[in-house]
Every structure is written in C-alpha cells, then in structure tokens.
Amino acid sequence: MNKKRAFTLVEIMIVVLIIGIILAIAVPQWIGARTRAWKITCLQNLRKFDNAKDIYAVTSRRSNGDPVTEEDIFNEFIKDTALPTCPAGGTYTLNVIGTPAECSIHGIADGTDQE
C-alpha cells in the first residue's frame, strides 16, 4: 500500500501559532527602531542647520537675533542636493541666529524633546 504523508491540522496550527508569536515580538521592535532612526536623522538635520547658520553669521557678519532664511544658508553652507526634511513629517523652523533650529515633532538639537 502507498500511504501519503501529510501534515495534520494540529501541526499546521502549531507552526502558525509560533510564527504569530515571533511576529508579535518582532513588529513592535521594528517600529521602535524606525522611530528612533527618524529621530536621530531629524536631530542631525537640525545640527546641520545650526552649523550652517553659525558659518553664515560669521561670514556675513551677522549677530545674534538677526533673521536667517533657508535661501541664505542652503546653496552656500549646506552641501546637499535638496534641503533636508524631517523623516517623520515634521516641519523645520530655522529661528534667528543664536537660537537653535527646531522641529515640530522632535524639538531642538540640544537633546530636549517635545515628546
């Protein structure tokens, strides 16, 4: 006699249960890692803006409190193909010279958060 070997329903259910448990553990970790990566990228962009503002202030002989625009610093002092944007969808505010740039989601680049 020729018997066919196959998985039973219980074996298939156990495999599905194990995969479900693994996903229940892994997915929140992946989401948390993505959120942390977005925050780090955003804060690096803010530091880049602050450095560009400092260089602009020195080369243009500006003082604290003077306004600065994206056009003032982008072409000359930020060497990217496009102005950096917040990966989490926040908006950047450059602020005046002497005041740190800030993000509507992640706060300012000095380590303080709005979260």
Foldseek 3Di string as FASTA:
>chain_A
DDDDDDDDPVVVVVVVVVVVVVCVVVVVVVVVVVVVVLLVVVLVLQVQLLVQLVVLCVVVVHDFPAADDCVSRPPPRPPDPDRDDRPVPWHWDPGTRPDGIATPAAGGNPPDGPD
